[in-house]
């Protein structure tokens, strides 16, 4: 399975077409939040309609709460949900742990922990590799703002328990990092022309189990 992953377009979808052309054929699209820049929620439809592939999305902290209705109406919502696709269980949780900025879609750590615990328990019943789509990064991984870690501690508990985490939120933390056997990917700010291509081998392959390869891509700048 090949996945096209983006985060943080913040209402600027102009680089998406070029990124898709660079990506080539993909099976699914993951959108890791901050789809709008504090709204309006309806703008999210513009992004969703750019894809013909399977789309799974979560909101970011800069999205209004009402964006979940747009997701539900478009059948792309993965916020506080799980879905199986291509032999993989996708779990999603959007928004972020509290920030100093009082943005619209912030959730207390205790509430994130409670909801994730139920989701992950249900996901493990499928006995498939798990991909976790979030907006906030796990605490301590791709979450540094200057010298301070600002990630979500509730998410960090699943490092080593899921195969892949796709997140965003921290624009300056674009990258790929493996922690406790979990690959964490921040595709970078889509508004600046960044994305990621993620190849996941057939989970039914009897050899070494799941293999994940991630390549960060960038839209070509106009001359």
N, C-alpha and C. Protein backbone atom coordinates (compact mmCIF):
# COMPACT_ATOMS: atom_id res chain seq x y z
N UNK A 1 0.84 -1.19 0.00
CA UNK A 1 0.00 0.00 0.00
C UNK A 1 0.89 1.25 0.00
N UNK A 2 0.52 2.20 -0.85
CA UNK A 2 1.23 3.48 -0.86
C UNK A 2 0.29 4.57 -0.35
N UNK A 3 0.77 5.32 0.64
CA UNK A 3 -0.02 6.36 1.29
C UNK A 3 0.60 7.72 1.02
N UNK A 4 -0.24 8.68 0.66
CA UNK A 4 0.15 10.08 0.51
C UNK A 4 -0.29 10.80 1.78
N UNK A 5 0.66 11.36 2.52
CA UNK A 5 0.36 11.97 3.82
C UNK A 5 0.69 13.44 3.81
N UNK A 6 -0.25 14.25 4.30
CA UNK A 6 -0.01 15.69 4.44
C UNK A 6 -0.49 16.16 5.81
N UNK A 7 -0.01 17.31 6.20
CA UNK A 7 -0.42 17.95 7.45
C UNK A 7 -0.33 19.46 7.27
N UNK A 8 -1.13 20.17 8.01
CA UNK A 8 -1.01 21.63 8.13
C UNK A 8 -1.08 22.40 6.82
N UNK A 9 -2.09 22.16 5.99
CA UNK A 9 -2.24 23.06 4.83
C UNK A 9 -2.76 24.43 5.21
N UNK A 10 -3.42 24.56 6.36
CA UNK A 10 -3.90 25.85 6.86
C UNK A 10 -4.65 26.66 5.81
N UNK A 11 -5.48 25.95 5.03
CA UNK A 11 -6.31 26.63 4.05
C UNK A 11 -5.65 26.95 2.74
N UNK A 12 -4.36 26.69 2.60
CA UNK A 12 -3.64 26.94 1.35
C UNK A 12 -3.43 25.61 0.64
N UNK A 13 -4.27 25.30 -0.34
CA UNK A 13 -4.22 24.02 -1.01
C UNK A 13 -3.50 24.09 -2.36
N UNK A 14 -2.90 25.23 -2.66
CA UNK A 14 -2.30 25.42 -3.98
C UNK A 14 -1.15 24.44 -4.28
N UNK A 15 -0.36 23.97 -3.27
CA UNK A 15 0.71 23.02 -3.62
C UNK A 15 0.24 21.58 -3.79
N UNK A 16 -1.00 21.26 -3.46
CA UNK A 16 -1.42 19.87 -3.38
C UNK A 16 -1.36 19.17 -4.74
N UNK A 17 -1.81 19.83 -5.79
CA UNK A 17 -1.81 19.21 -7.12
C UNK A 17 -0.40 18.80 -7.53
N UNK A 18 0.57 19.69 -7.33
CA UNK A 18 1.95 19.38 -7.70
C UNK A 18 2.51 18.24 -6.85
N UNK A 19 2.14 18.22 -5.58
CA UNK A 19 2.60 17.13 -4.71
C UNK A 19 2.02 15.79 -5.16
N UNK A 20 0.75 15.78 -5.54
CA UNK A 20 0.13 14.55 -6.02
C UNK A 20 0.78 14.06 -7.31
N UNK A 21 1.09 14.99 -8.18
CA UNK A 21 1.77 14.61 -9.42
C UNK A 21 3.12 13.99 -9.14
N UNK A 22 3.84 14.54 -8.17
CA UNK A 22 5.13 13.98 -7.80
C UNK A 22 4.98 12.62 -7.14
N UNK A 23 3.90 12.44 -6.40
CA UNK A 23 3.69 11.18 -5.69
C UNK A 23 3.36 10.03 -6.63
N UNK A 24 2.67 10.31 -7.73
CA UNK A 24 2.26 9.23 -8.63
C UNK A 24 1.07 8.48 -8.07
N UNK A 25 0.99 7.20 -8.38
CA UNK A 25 -0.15 6.39 -7.94
C UNK A 25 -0.09 6.13 -6.44
N UNK A 26 -1.18 6.44 -5.75
CA UNK A 26 -1.27 6.17 -4.31
C UNK A 26 -2.62 5.51 -4.02
N UNK A 27 -2.65 4.74 -2.94
CA UNK A 27 -3.86 4.01 -2.59
C UNK A 27 -4.74 4.74 -1.58
N UNK A 28 -4.12 5.57 -0.76
CA UNK A 28 -4.87 6.25 0.30
C UNK A 28 -4.20 7.57 0.63
N UNK A 29 -4.98 8.47 1.20
CA UNK A 29 -4.50 9.79 1.61
C UNK A 29 -4.79 9.97 3.09
N UNK A 30 -3.75 10.38 3.84
CA UNK A 30 -3.91 10.71 5.26
C UNK A 30 -3.70 12.20 5.43
N UNK A 31 -4.63 12.85 6.14
CA UNK A 31 -4.54 14.29 6.38
C UNK A 31 -4.49 14.51 7.89
N UNK A 32 -3.37 15.06 8.36
CA UNK A 32 -3.11 15.14 9.80
C UNK A 32 -3.43 16.50 10.41
N UNK A 33 -4.54 17.09 9.97
CA UNK A 33 -5.06 18.25 10.68
C UNK A 33 -4.56 19.61 10.26
N UNK A 34 -5.15 20.64 10.89
CA UNK A 34 -4.99 22.04 10.52
C UNK A 34 -5.27 22.22 9.04
N UNK A 35 -6.42 21.74 8.65
CA UNK A 35 -6.87 21.80 7.26
C UNK A 35 -7.28 23.22 6.90
N UNK A 36 -7.86 23.93 7.87
CA UNK A 36 -8.20 25.33 7.69
C UNK A 36 -7.31 26.18 8.59
N UNK A 37 -7.42 27.47 8.44
CA UNK A 37 -6.70 28.40 9.31
C UNK A 37 -7.74 29.12 10.16
N UNK A 38 -8.27 28.39 11.17
CA UNK A 38 -9.34 28.87 12.04
C UNK A 38 -10.67 29.01 11.29
N UNK A 39 -10.85 28.14 10.27
CA UNK A 39 -12.11 28.10 9.55
C UNK A 39 -12.03 28.84 8.23
N UNK A 40 -13.17 28.90 7.51
CA UNK A 40 -14.42 28.23 7.88
C UNK A 40 -14.36 26.73 7.63
N UNK A 41 -15.17 25.98 8.35
CA UNK A 41 -15.15 24.53 8.21
C UNK A 41 -15.41 24.07 6.78
N UNK A 42 -16.29 24.81 6.08
CA UNK A 42 -16.68 24.40 4.73
C UNK A 42 -15.49 24.36 3.77
N UNK A 43 -14.45 25.09 4.09
CA UNK A 43 -13.28 25.10 3.19
C UNK A 43 -12.63 23.72 3.09
N UNK A 44 -12.81 22.90 4.13
CA UNK A 44 -12.22 21.56 4.11
C UNK A 44 -12.72 20.74 2.93
N UNK A 45 -13.96 21.00 2.50
CA UNK A 45 -14.51 20.26 1.36
C UNK A 45 -13.68 20.47 0.11
N UNK A 46 -13.13 21.67 -0.04
CA UNK A 46 -12.30 21.98 -1.20
C UNK A 46 -11.08 21.06 -1.26
N UNK A 47 -10.47 20.81 -0.11
CA UNK A 47 -9.31 19.91 -0.07
C UNK A 47 -9.73 18.47 -0.32
N UNK A 48 -10.77 18.03 0.36
CA UNK A 48 -11.20 16.64 0.24
C UNK A 48 -11.53 16.29 -1.21
N UNK A 49 -12.14 17.25 -1.93
CA UNK A 49 -12.55 17.00 -3.31
C UNK A 49 -11.37 16.93 -4.28
N UNK A 50 -10.16 17.24 -3.82
CA UNK A 50 -8.99 17.15 -4.69
C UNK A 50 -8.50 15.72 -4.85
N UNK A 51 -9.05 14.80 -4.05
CA UNK A 51 -8.55 13.42 -4.06
C UNK A 51 -9.62 12.47 -4.57
N UNK A 52 -9.18 11.52 -5.41
CA UNK A 52 -10.06 10.44 -5.85
C UNK A 52 -9.81 9.18 -5.04
N UNK A 53 -8.72 9.15 -4.27
CA UNK A 53 -8.36 7.99 -3.48
C UNK A 53 -9.12 7.95 -2.15
N UNK A 54 -8.98 6.86 -1.44
CA UNK A 54 -9.49 6.75 -0.08
C UNK A 54 -8.84 7.83 0.78
N UNK A 55 -9.65 8.63 1.49
CA UNK A 55 -9.14 9.71 2.34
C UNK A 55 -9.54 9.45 3.78
N UNK A 56 -8.58 9.64 4.69
CA UNK A 56 -8.84 9.59 6.12
C UNK A 56 -8.22 10.83 6.74
N UNK A 57 -8.99 11.55 7.54
CA UNK A 57 -8.55 12.85 8.04
C UNK A 57 -8.91 13.04 9.50
N UNK A 58 -8.08 13.81 10.18
CA UNK A 58 -8.39 14.27 11.54
C UNK A 58 -8.23 15.79 11.57
N UNK A 59 -8.94 16.47 12.47
CA UNK A 59 -8.80 17.92 12.59
C UNK A 59 -7.51 18.29 13.33
N UNK A 60 -7.11 19.53 13.16
CA UNK A 60 -6.00 20.07 13.94
C UNK A 60 -6.50 21.07 14.96
N UNK A 61 -5.61 21.56 15.78
CA UNK A 61 -6.01 22.50 16.83
C UNK A 61 -6.50 23.83 16.26
N UNK A 62 -6.10 24.16 15.02
CA UNK A 62 -6.53 25.42 14.40
C UNK A 62 -7.80 25.26 13.58
N UNK A 63 -8.39 24.08 13.60
CA UNK A 63 -9.67 23.87 12.92
C UNK A 63 -10.83 24.08 13.89
N UNK A 64 -11.94 24.62 13.42
CA UNK A 64 -13.11 24.76 14.30
C UNK A 64 -13.71 23.38 14.60
N UNK A 65 -14.37 23.26 15.72
CA UNK A 65 -14.97 21.99 16.11
C UNK A 65 -15.96 21.48 15.06
N UNK A 66 -16.61 22.39 14.35
CA UNK A 66 -17.63 21.99 13.38
C UNK A 66 -17.05 21.30 12.15
N UNK A 67 -15.74 21.26 12.02
CA UNK A 67 -15.14 20.61 10.85
C UNK A 67 -15.43 19.12 10.86
N UNK A 68 -15.69 18.55 12.03
CA UNK A 68 -15.98 17.12 12.08
C UNK A 68 -17.27 16.79 11.33
N UNK A 69 -18.21 17.74 11.25
CA UNK A 69 -19.43 17.51 10.49
C UNK A 69 -19.12 17.42 8.99
N UNK A 70 -18.20 18.25 8.52
CA UNK A 70 -17.78 18.19 7.12
C UNK A 70 -17.13 16.84 6.84
N UNK A 71 -16.27 16.40 7.75
CA UNK A 71 -15.62 15.10 7.60
C UNK A 71 -16.65 13.98 7.53
N UNK A 72 -17.60 14.01 8.45
CA UNK A 72 -18.62 12.96 8.50
C UNK A 72 -19.45 12.93 7.21
N UNK A 73 -19.82 14.10 6.73
CA UNK A 73 -20.63 14.18 5.51
C UNK A 73 -19.86 13.69 4.29
N UNK A 74 -18.55 13.81 4.33
CA UNK A 74 -17.71 13.36 3.21
C UNK A 74 -17.16 11.96 3.42
N UNK A 75 -17.51 11.34 4.54
CA UNK A 75 -17.06 9.97 4.87
C UNK A 75 -15.54 9.86 4.92
N UNK A 76 -14.86 10.88 5.45
CA UNK A 76 -13.40 10.84 5.57
C UNK A 76 -12.93 10.90 7.02
N UNK A 77 -13.86 11.05 7.96
CA UNK A 77 -13.45 11.30 9.34
C UNK A 77 -12.80 10.09 9.98
N UNK A 78 -11.64 10.31 10.60
CA UNK A 78 -10.99 9.28 11.42
C UNK A 78 -10.80 9.80 12.85
N UNK A 79 -11.40 10.94 13.17
CA UNK A 79 -11.24 11.49 14.51
C UNK A 79 -12.00 10.66 15.53
N UNK A 80 -11.29 10.15 16.52
CA UNK A 80 -11.87 9.31 17.56
C UNK A 80 -12.58 8.10 16.96
N UNK A 81 -11.97 7.55 15.91
CA UNK A 81 -12.54 6.41 15.20
C UNK A 81 -11.42 5.47 14.77
N UNK A 82 -11.81 4.29 14.32
CA UNK A 82 -10.87 3.39 13.67
C UNK A 82 -11.52 2.84 12.42
N UNK A 83 -10.66 2.44 11.47
CA UNK A 83 -11.14 1.90 10.21
C UNK A 83 -10.09 0.93 9.68
N UNK A 84 -10.54 -0.18 9.11
CA UNK A 84 -9.60 -1.11 8.49
C UNK A 84 -9.62 -0.89 6.99
N UNK A 85 -8.42 -0.93 6.39
CA UNK A 85 -8.29 -0.70 4.95
C UNK A 85 -7.00 -1.37 4.49
N UNK A 86 -7.11 -2.24 3.51
CA UNK A 86 -5.92 -2.87 2.96
C UNK A 86 -5.14 -3.71 3.95
N UNK A 87 -5.83 -4.33 4.89
CA UNK A 87 -5.15 -5.17 5.86
C UNK A 87 -4.47 -4.42 6.98
N UNK A 88 -4.77 -3.14 7.11
CA UNK A 88 -4.19 -2.29 8.16
C UNK A 88 -5.33 -1.65 8.95
N UNK A 89 -5.15 -1.52 10.25
CA UNK A 89 -6.11 -0.82 11.09
C UNK A 89 -5.63 0.61 11.31
N UNK A 90 -6.42 1.56 10.85
CA UNK A 90 -6.11 2.98 11.01
C UNK A 90 -6.91 3.52 12.20
N UNK A 91 -6.20 4.18 13.11
CA UNK A 91 -6.83 4.81 14.27
C UNK A 91 -6.54 6.30 14.20
N UNK A 92 -7.53 7.13 14.48
CA UNK A 92 -7.32 8.56 14.38
C UNK A 92 -7.74 9.32 15.62
N UNK A 93 -6.97 10.37 15.90
CA UNK A 93 -7.38 11.29 16.97
C UNK A 93 -6.81 12.67 16.66
N UNK A 94 -7.71 13.64 16.48
CA UNK A 94 -7.29 14.97 16.07
C UNK A 94 -7.25 15.97 17.21
N UNK A 95 -7.17 17.23 16.84
CA UNK A 95 -6.96 18.28 17.82
C UNK A 95 -5.57 18.17 18.42
N UNK A 96 -5.38 18.82 19.55
CA UNK A 96 -4.08 18.73 20.21
C UNK A 96 -4.25 18.80 21.72
N UNK A 97 -3.21 18.39 22.42
CA UNK A 97 -3.14 18.67 23.84
C UNK A 97 -3.09 20.19 24.02
N UNK A 98 -3.39 20.71 25.21
CA UNK A 98 -3.46 22.16 25.40
C UNK A 98 -2.18 22.90 24.98
N UNK A 99 -2.38 24.06 24.37
CA UNK A 99 -1.28 24.94 23.97
C UNK A 99 -1.41 26.27 24.73
N UNK A 100 -0.39 27.12 24.66
CA UNK A 100 -0.50 28.44 25.31
C UNK A 100 -1.43 29.41 24.56
N UNK A 101 -1.96 28.98 23.40
CA UNK A 101 -2.63 29.92 22.51
C UNK A 101 -4.16 29.80 22.50
N UNK A 102 -4.71 28.86 23.28
CA UNK A 102 -6.17 28.71 23.37
C UNK A 102 -6.81 28.57 21.98
N UNK A 103 -6.27 27.67 21.17
CA UNK A 103 -6.81 27.44 19.84
C UNK A 103 -8.09 26.61 19.93
N UNK A 104 -8.88 26.55 18.83
CA UNK A 104 -10.24 26.02 18.94
C UNK A 104 -10.35 24.54 19.31
N UNK A 105 -9.42 23.70 18.83
CA UNK A 105 -9.60 22.26 18.97
C UNK A 105 -8.50 21.69 19.87
N UNK A 106 -8.55 22.06 21.16
CA UNK A 106 -7.60 21.54 22.14
C UNK A 106 -8.35 20.63 23.11
N UNK A 107 -7.68 19.57 23.54
CA UNK A 107 -8.31 18.55 24.37
C UNK A 107 -7.38 18.25 25.55
N UNK A 108 -7.93 18.14 26.73
CA UNK A 108 -7.13 17.84 27.90
C UNK A 108 -6.49 16.45 27.76
N UNK A 109 -5.28 16.33 28.30
CA UNK A 109 -4.55 15.07 28.19
C UNK A 109 -5.36 13.90 28.76
N UNK A 110 -6.05 14.11 29.87
CA UNK A 110 -6.80 13.01 30.48
C UNK A 110 -7.91 12.52 29.55
N UNK A 111 -8.52 13.45 28.79
CA UNK A 111 -9.58 13.05 27.86
C UNK A 111 -9.01 12.33 26.65
N UNK A 112 -7.84 12.79 26.18
CA UNK A 112 -7.17 12.09 25.07
C UNK A 112 -6.82 10.67 25.51
N UNK A 113 -6.27 10.55 26.69
CA UNK A 113 -5.85 9.24 27.20
C UNK A 113 -7.03 8.28 27.29
N UNK A 114 -8.15 8.77 27.83
CA UNK A 114 -9.33 7.92 28.00
C UNK A 114 -9.86 7.41 26.66
N UNK A 115 -9.97 8.32 25.70
CA UNK A 115 -10.54 7.95 24.40
C UNK A 115 -9.58 7.06 23.61
N UNK A 116 -8.29 7.37 23.68
CA UNK A 116 -7.31 6.55 22.97
C UNK A 116 -7.25 5.13 23.52
N UNK A 117 -7.36 5.02 24.82
CA UNK A 117 -7.31 3.69 25.44
C UNK A 117 -8.42 2.79 24.89
N UNK A 118 -9.61 3.33 24.74
CA UNK A 118 -10.73 2.55 24.19
C UNK A 118 -10.48 2.24 22.72
N UNK A 119 -10.06 3.23 21.95
CA UNK A 119 -9.80 3.02 20.53
C UNK A 119 -8.74 1.96 20.30
N UNK A 120 -7.64 2.06 21.04
CA UNK A 120 -6.54 1.14 20.84
C UNK A 120 -6.90 -0.27 21.27
N UNK A 121 -7.70 -0.39 22.30
CA UNK A 121 -8.16 -1.71 22.73
C UNK A 121 -8.99 -2.36 21.62
N UNK A 122 -9.88 -1.58 21.01
CA UNK A 122 -10.69 -2.09 19.91
C UNK A 122 -9.82 -2.43 18.70
N UNK A 123 -8.82 -1.58 18.42
CA UNK A 123 -7.95 -1.80 17.26
C UNK A 123 -7.15 -3.09 17.38
N UNK A 124 -6.71 -3.40 18.57
CA UNK A 124 -5.90 -4.60 18.77
C UNK A 124 -6.69 -5.87 18.53
N UNK A 125 -8.00 -5.80 18.62
CA UNK A 125 -8.84 -6.97 18.37
C UNK A 125 -8.75 -7.43 16.92
N UNK A 126 -8.39 -6.51 16.01
CA UNK A 126 -8.31 -6.87 14.60
C UNK A 126 -7.04 -7.65 14.26
N UNK A 127 -6.06 -7.60 15.17
CA UNK A 127 -4.80 -8.34 14.99
C UNK A 127 -4.15 -8.01 13.65
N UNK A 128 -4.13 -6.72 13.34
CA UNK A 128 -3.49 -6.18 12.14
C UNK A 128 -2.51 -5.10 12.55
N UNK A 129 -1.55 -4.76 11.67
CA UNK A 129 -0.70 -3.60 11.95
C UNK A 129 -1.56 -2.36 12.17
N UNK A 130 -1.14 -1.50 13.08
CA UNK A 130 -1.91 -0.30 13.42
C UNK A 130 -1.16 0.95 12.98
N UNK A 131 -1.85 1.82 12.27
CA UNK A 131 -1.34 3.15 11.91
C UNK A 131 -2.17 4.17 12.68
N UNK A 132 -1.50 5.05 13.40
CA UNK A 132 -2.16 6.07 14.21
C UNK A 132 -2.01 7.42 13.53
N UNK A 133 -3.14 8.02 13.15
CA UNK A 133 -3.16 9.35 12.51
C UNK A 133 -3.58 10.37 13.54
N UNK A 134 -2.70 11.33 13.82
CA UNK A 134 -2.98 12.35 14.82
C UNK A 134 -2.58 13.71 14.27
N UNK A 135 -2.95 14.75 14.98
CA UNK A 135 -2.40 16.07 14.65
C UNK A 135 -1.17 16.33 15.52
N UNK A 136 -1.32 16.20 16.80
CA UNK A 136 -0.20 16.41 17.71
C UNK A 136 0.79 15.24 17.62
N UNK A 137 2.08 15.52 17.78
CA UNK A 137 3.06 14.44 17.84
C UNK A 137 3.11 13.85 19.25
N UNK A 138 3.66 12.64 19.38
CA UNK A 138 3.87 12.11 20.72
C UNK A 138 4.95 12.89 21.45
N UNK A 139 4.80 13.01 22.74
CA UNK A 139 5.77 13.77 23.53
C UNK A 139 7.17 13.18 23.35
N UNK A 140 8.12 14.05 23.03
CA UNK A 140 9.52 13.66 22.93
C UNK A 140 9.97 13.27 21.54
N UNK A 141 9.05 13.21 20.58
CA UNK A 141 9.41 12.78 19.22
C UNK A 141 8.86 13.79 18.20
N UNK A 142 9.75 14.43 17.47
CA UNK A 142 9.35 15.42 16.46
C UNK A 142 8.39 16.46 17.03
N UNK A 143 8.69 16.90 18.24
CA UNK A 143 7.76 17.81 18.93
C UNK A 143 8.46 19.01 19.55
N UNK A 144 9.70 19.28 19.16
CA UNK A 144 10.46 20.33 19.83
C UNK A 144 10.19 21.70 19.20
N UNK A 145 9.89 22.66 20.05
CA UNK A 145 9.83 24.07 19.66
C UNK A 145 10.98 24.73 20.39
N UNK A 146 12.00 25.10 19.59
CA UNK A 146 13.28 25.49 20.16
C UNK A 146 13.78 24.34 21.06
N UNK A 147 13.94 24.51 22.33
CA UNK A 147 14.45 23.43 23.17
C UNK A 147 13.38 22.80 24.05
N UNK A 148 12.12 23.07 23.74
CA UNK A 148 11.04 22.59 24.59
C UNK A 148 10.20 21.54 23.87
N UNK A 149 9.95 20.41 24.54
CA UNK A 149 9.06 19.38 23.99
C UNK A 149 7.61 19.74 24.32
N UNK A 150 6.76 19.72 23.29
CA UNK A 150 5.37 20.16 23.48
C UNK A 150 4.37 19.11 23.01
N UNK A 151 4.84 17.89 22.75
CA UNK A 151 3.98 16.85 22.24
C UNK A 151 3.01 16.31 23.28
N UNK A 152 2.23 15.35 22.84
CA UNK A 152 1.15 14.78 23.67
C UNK A 152 1.67 13.55 24.42
N UNK A 153 1.58 13.60 25.73
CA UNK A 153 2.06 12.49 26.56
C UNK A 153 1.17 11.26 26.42
N UNK A 154 -0.11 11.47 26.20
CA UNK A 154 -1.01 10.33 26.03
C UNK A 154 -0.68 9.54 24.76
N UNK A 155 -0.27 10.24 23.70
CA UNK A 155 0.14 9.57 22.47
C UNK A 155 1.45 8.82 22.66
N UNK A 156 2.34 9.37 23.44
CA UNK A 156 3.66 8.76 23.64
C UNK A 156 3.55 7.36 24.23
N UNK A 157 2.46 7.07 24.92
CA UNK A 157 2.28 5.75 25.52
C UNK A 157 2.14 4.64 24.48
N UNK A 158 1.88 5.03 23.23
CA UNK A 158 1.68 4.03 22.18
C UNK A 158 2.91 3.85 21.29
N UNK A 159 3.99 4.54 21.62
CA UNK A 159 5.26 4.26 20.94
C UNK A 159 5.67 2.83 21.29
N UNK A 160 5.95 2.05 20.28
CA UNK A 160 6.26 0.64 20.50
C UNK A 160 5.05 -0.27 20.42
N UNK A 161 3.85 0.32 20.36
CA UNK A 161 2.62 -0.48 20.31
C UNK A 161 1.90 -0.35 18.97
N UNK A 162 2.30 0.64 18.17
CA UNK A 162 1.75 0.79 16.82
C UNK A 162 2.91 0.80 15.83
N UNK A 163 2.60 0.49 14.58
CA UNK A 163 3.66 0.44 13.57
C UNK A 163 4.09 1.82 13.10
N UNK A 164 3.12 2.74 13.02
CA UNK A 164 3.38 4.04 12.40
C UNK A 164 2.50 5.09 13.04
N UNK A 165 3.07 6.28 13.28
CA UNK A 165 2.30 7.46 13.68
C UNK A 165 2.54 8.54 12.64
N UNK A 166 1.48 9.07 12.06
CA UNK A 166 1.56 10.21 11.14
C UNK A 166 0.95 11.41 11.86
N UNK A 167 1.73 12.47 11.99
CA UNK A 167 1.30 13.65 12.75
C UNK A 167 1.75 14.92 12.05
N UNK A 168 1.51 16.05 12.69
CA UNK A 168 1.93 17.34 12.16
C UNK A 168 2.12 18.30 13.30
N UNK A 169 1.44 19.46 13.23
CA UNK A 169 1.35 20.42 14.33
C UNK A 169 2.60 21.27 14.49
N UNK A 170 3.76 20.65 14.60
CA UNK A 170 5.00 21.40 14.79
C UNK A 170 5.65 21.59 13.43
N UNK A 171 5.46 22.76 12.85
CA UNK A 171 5.87 23.00 11.47
C UNK A 171 7.37 22.81 11.28
N UNK A 172 8.15 23.18 12.28
CA UNK A 172 9.61 23.11 12.15
C UNK A 172 10.17 21.73 12.46
N UNK A 173 9.28 20.75 12.74
CA UNK A 173 9.75 19.41 13.13
C UNK A 173 9.52 18.40 12.02
N UNK A 174 9.50 18.85 10.78
CA UNK A 174 9.35 17.91 9.66
C UNK A 174 10.42 16.84 9.73
N UNK A 175 10.01 15.57 9.59
CA UNK A 175 11.02 14.54 9.63
C UNK A 175 10.45 13.16 9.85
N UNK A 176 11.37 12.21 9.98
CA UNK A 176 11.06 10.80 10.21
C UNK A 176 11.93 10.33 11.37
N UNK A 177 11.33 9.65 12.33
CA UNK A 177 12.10 9.13 13.45
C UNK A 177 11.50 7.83 13.93
N UNK A 178 12.36 6.87 14.22
CA UNK A 178 11.90 5.61 14.79
C UNK A 178 12.14 5.64 16.29
N UNK A 179 11.11 5.30 17.04
CA UNK A 179 11.19 5.30 18.51
C UNK A 179 10.52 4.03 19.03
N UNK A 180 11.28 3.21 19.72
CA UNK A 180 10.75 1.98 20.31
C UNK A 180 10.07 1.08 19.28
N UNK A 181 10.57 1.12 18.05
CA UNK A 181 10.00 0.28 17.00
C UNK A 181 8.85 0.91 16.25
N UNK A 182 8.41 2.10 16.66
CA UNK A 182 7.36 2.83 15.96
C UNK A 182 7.99 3.91 15.10
N UNK A 183 7.59 3.98 13.83
CA UNK A 183 8.06 5.06 12.95
C UNK A 183 7.10 6.24 13.08
N UNK A 184 7.65 7.41 13.37
CA UNK A 184 6.86 8.63 13.50
C UNK A 184 7.22 9.54 12.32
N UNK A 185 6.20 10.03 11.64
CA UNK A 185 6.40 10.87 10.46
C UNK A 185 5.64 12.18 10.61
N UNK A 186 6.36 13.28 10.46
CA UNK A 186 5.74 14.60 10.29
C UNK A 186 6.03 15.00 8.85
N UNK A 187 5.03 14.99 7.96
CA UNK A 187 5.28 15.26 6.54
C UNK A 187 5.74 16.68 6.26
N UNK A 188 5.59 17.57 7.23
CA UNK A 188 5.89 18.98 7.01
C UNK A 188 4.63 19.74 6.64
N UNK A 189 4.78 21.02 6.54
CA UNK A 189 3.64 21.92 6.32
C UNK A 189 3.22 21.87 4.84
N UNK A 190 2.03 21.33 4.58
CA UNK A 190 1.56 21.21 3.21
C UNK A 190 1.43 22.58 2.54
N UNK A 191 1.11 23.60 3.31
CA UNK A 191 1.00 24.95 2.75
C UNK A 191 2.32 25.42 2.16
N UNK A 192 3.43 24.86 2.63
CA UNK A 192 4.75 25.21 2.10
C UNK A 192 5.23 24.22 1.04
N UNK A 193 4.35 23.28 0.66
CA UNK A 193 4.69 22.35 -0.41
C UNK A 193 5.35 21.08 0.05
N UNK A 194 5.07 20.63 1.28
CA UNK A 194 5.68 19.42 1.82
C UNK A 194 4.64 18.31 1.98
N UNK A 195 5.10 17.07 1.84
CA UNK A 195 4.25 15.89 2.03
C UNK A 195 5.16 14.69 2.28
N UNK A 196 4.55 13.54 2.46
CA UNK A 196 5.31 12.30 2.62
C UNK A 196 4.65 11.18 1.84
N UNK A 197 5.48 10.29 1.32
CA UNK A 197 5.02 9.06 0.68
C UNK A 197 5.40 7.90 1.58
N UNK A 198 4.44 7.07 1.92
CA UNK A 198 4.67 5.97 2.85
C UNK A 198 4.28 4.67 2.17
N UNK A 199 5.24 3.78 2.01
CA UNK A 199 4.97 2.46 1.45
C UNK A 199 4.94 1.44 2.58
N UNK A 200 3.85 0.68 2.65
CA UNK A 200 3.70 -0.37 3.65
C UNK A 200 3.53 -1.69 2.91
N UNK A 201 4.37 -2.67 3.26
CA UNK A 201 4.27 -3.95 2.56
C UNK A 201 3.00 -4.69 2.92
N UNK A 202 2.68 -5.70 2.15
CA UNK A 202 1.50 -6.52 2.41
C UNK A 202 1.62 -7.17 3.78
N UNK A 203 0.73 -6.84 4.73
CA UNK A 203 0.83 -7.44 6.07
C UNK A 203 0.71 -8.95 6.07
N UNK A 204 0.20 -9.54 4.98
CA UNK A 204 0.07 -10.98 4.91
C UNK A 204 1.37 -11.66 4.44
N UNK A 205 2.36 -10.86 4.09
CA UNK A 205 3.66 -11.41 3.69
C UNK A 205 4.24 -12.21 4.86
N UNK A 206 4.55 -13.47 4.66
CA UNK A 206 4.98 -14.32 5.78
C UNK A 206 6.45 -14.18 6.15
N UNK A 207 7.17 -13.27 5.50
CA UNK A 207 8.61 -13.18 5.74
C UNK A 207 8.94 -12.47 7.05
N UNK A 208 9.23 -11.19 6.98
CA UNK A 208 9.68 -10.46 8.18
C UNK A 208 8.57 -9.68 8.86
N UNK A 209 7.35 -9.79 8.38
CA UNK A 209 6.30 -8.95 8.93
C UNK A 209 6.27 -7.62 8.22
N UNK A 210 5.58 -6.66 8.81
CA UNK A 210 5.36 -5.38 8.15
C UNK A 210 6.66 -4.61 7.95
N UNK A 211 6.79 -4.01 6.78
CA UNK A 211 7.91 -3.13 6.47
C UNK A 211 7.36 -1.79 6.01
N UNK A 212 7.95 -0.72 6.51
CA UNK A 212 7.49 0.62 6.19
C UNK A 212 8.66 1.42 5.64
N UNK A 213 8.42 2.08 4.51
CA UNK A 213 9.43 2.97 3.93
C UNK A 213 8.79 4.34 3.72
N UNK A 214 9.48 5.38 4.21
CA UNK A 214 8.94 6.73 4.14
C UNK A 214 9.90 7.63 3.37
N UNK A 215 9.35 8.41 2.44
CA UNK A 215 10.13 9.41 1.71
C UNK A 215 9.42 10.75 1.85
N UNK A 216 10.14 11.76 2.29
CA UNK A 216 9.58 13.11 2.33
C UNK A 216 9.72 13.74 0.96
N UNK A 217 8.65 14.38 0.49
CA UNK A 217 8.68 15.00 -0.84
C UNK A 217 8.34 16.48 -0.73
N UNK A 218 8.71 17.21 -1.77
CA UNK A 218 8.47 18.65 -1.81
C UNK A 218 8.04 19.05 -3.20
N UNK A 219 7.05 19.91 -3.29
CA UNK A 219 6.60 20.41 -4.59
C UNK A 219 7.70 21.28 -5.19
N UNK A 220 7.89 21.16 -6.50
CA UNK A 220 8.89 21.99 -7.17
C UNK A 220 8.47 23.45 -7.11
N UNK A 221 9.42 24.28 -6.80
CA UNK A 221 9.13 25.72 -6.75
C UNK A 221 9.11 26.30 -8.14
N UNK A 222 8.15 27.20 -8.37
CA UNK A 222 8.08 27.85 -9.68
C UNK A 222 9.26 28.78 -9.87
N UNK A 223 9.79 28.75 -11.08
CA UNK A 223 10.95 29.60 -11.38
C UNK A 223 10.48 31.05 -11.59
